[in-house]
Amino acid sequence: MKDLNEIGKMLMNSSKADKIKAAANSPEAQKLSKIIDARSVEQAAKSGDMATLQKALAQVMSTEEGKRLAARLSEEFNKE
């Protein structure tokens, strides 16, 4: 599996970088950032703690903001 930093660099160097940045700065993402514990998620990602990551994702997806943000990102990544 690729290192998270490597994946991040690949995404930021892709043609979708502006869309990813816009989504990350959206009102939905800003509200979600107050709901989740970013340090806990980062640590779980680095250590491969899938249970914690799944819990965080479920928490995000249980909100209307999370659903809207996921739909927005899905739409952007499925465009050609």
Protein backbone atom coordinates (compact mmCIF):
# COMPACT_ATOMS: atom_id res chain seq x y z
CA MET A 1 0.00 0.00 0.00
CA LYS A 2 1.23 3.45 -0.82
CA ASP A 3 2.29 5.85 1.89
CA LEU A 4 -0.39 8.44 2.72
CA ASN A 5 2.01 11.29 1.94
CA GLU A 6 2.65 9.78 -1.48
CA ILE A 7 -1.07 9.45 -2.15
CA GLY A 8 -1.58 13.05 -1.04
CA LYS A 9 1.15 14.26 -3.38
CA MET A 10 -0.37 12.29 -6.26
CA LEU A 11 -3.78 13.84 -5.62
CA MET A 12 -2.38 17.35 -5.33
CA ASN A 13 -0.46 16.91 -8.59
CA SER A 14 -3.51 15.58 -10.42
CA SER A 15 -5.85 17.56 -12.62
CA LYS A 16 -8.37 17.43 -9.77
CA ALA A 17 -6.20 19.31 -7.24
CA ASP A 18 -8.20 22.55 -7.46
CA LYS A 19 -11.46 20.67 -6.97
CA ILE A 20 -10.04 18.78 -3.96
CA LYS A 21 -8.84 22.04 -2.40
CA ALA A 22 -12.20 23.70 -3.02
CA ALA A 23 -14.02 20.78 -1.42
CA ALA A 24 -11.65 20.82 1.56
CA ASN A 25 -12.38 24.51 2.08
CA SER A 26 -16.13 24.19 1.59
CA PRO A 27 -18.60 25.03 4.35
CA GLU A 28 -19.39 21.31 4.65
CA ALA A 29 -15.75 20.39 5.21
CA GLN A 30 -15.28 23.24 7.68
CA LYS A 31 -18.24 22.04 9.73
CA LEU A 32 -17.04 18.42 9.58
CA SER A 33 -13.59 19.47 10.79
CA LYS A 34 -15.23 20.49 14.06
CA ILE A 35 -16.90 17.09 14.46
CA ILE A 36 -13.95 14.76 13.99
CA ASP A 37 -10.71 14.46 15.94
CA ALA A 38 -8.15 15.12 13.20
CA ARG A 39 -5.21 13.95 15.32
CA SER A 40 -6.92 10.66 16.06
CA VAL A 41 -7.72 10.13 12.39
CA GLU A 42 -4.17 11.01 11.34
CA GLN A 43 -2.69 8.64 13.91
CA ALA A 44 -5.09 5.87 12.87
CA ALA A 45 -4.17 6.38 9.21
CA LYS A 46 -0.46 6.25 9.95
CA SER A 47 -0.79 3.12 12.07
CA GLY A 48 -3.28 1.36 9.81
CA ASP A 49 -6.01 1.34 12.47
CA MET A 50 -8.90 0.57 10.15
CA ALA A 51 -11.48 0.32 12.95
CA THR A 52 -10.85 3.93 14.01
CA LEU A 53 -10.86 5.12 10.40
CA GLN A 54 -14.14 3.32 9.70
CA LYS A 55 -15.67 4.82 12.84
CA ALA A 56 -14.60 8.32 11.78
CA LEU A 57 -15.94 7.80 8.26
CA ALA A 58 -19.25 6.50 9.61
CA GLN A 59 -19.46 9.55 11.87
CA VAL A 60 -18.85 11.88 8.91
CA MET A 61 -21.28 10.05 6.64
CA SER A 62 -24.01 10.19 9.27
CA THR A 63 -24.22 13.96 8.78
CA GLU A 64 -25.86 15.86 5.94
CA GLU A 65 -22.60 17.78 5.42
CA GLY A 66 -20.68 14.54 5.08
CA LYS A 67 -23.14 13.16 2.56
CA ARG A 68 -23.00 16.36 0.49
CA LEU A 69 -19.21 16.45 0.57
CA ALA A 70 -18.94 12.78 -0.41
CA ALA A 71 -21.36 13.33 -3.30
CA ARG A 72 -19.37 16.37 -4.44
CA LEU A 73 -16.06 14.48 -4.37
CA SER A 74 -17.58 11.45 -6.06
CA GLU A 75 -18.94 13.63 -8.84
CA GLU A 76 -15.56 15.33 -9.33
CA PHE A 77 -13.60 12.08 -9.42
CA ASN A 78 -16.02 10.46 -11.83
CA LYS A 79 -15.77 13.27 -14.35
CA GLU A 80 -13.42 12.76 -17.23
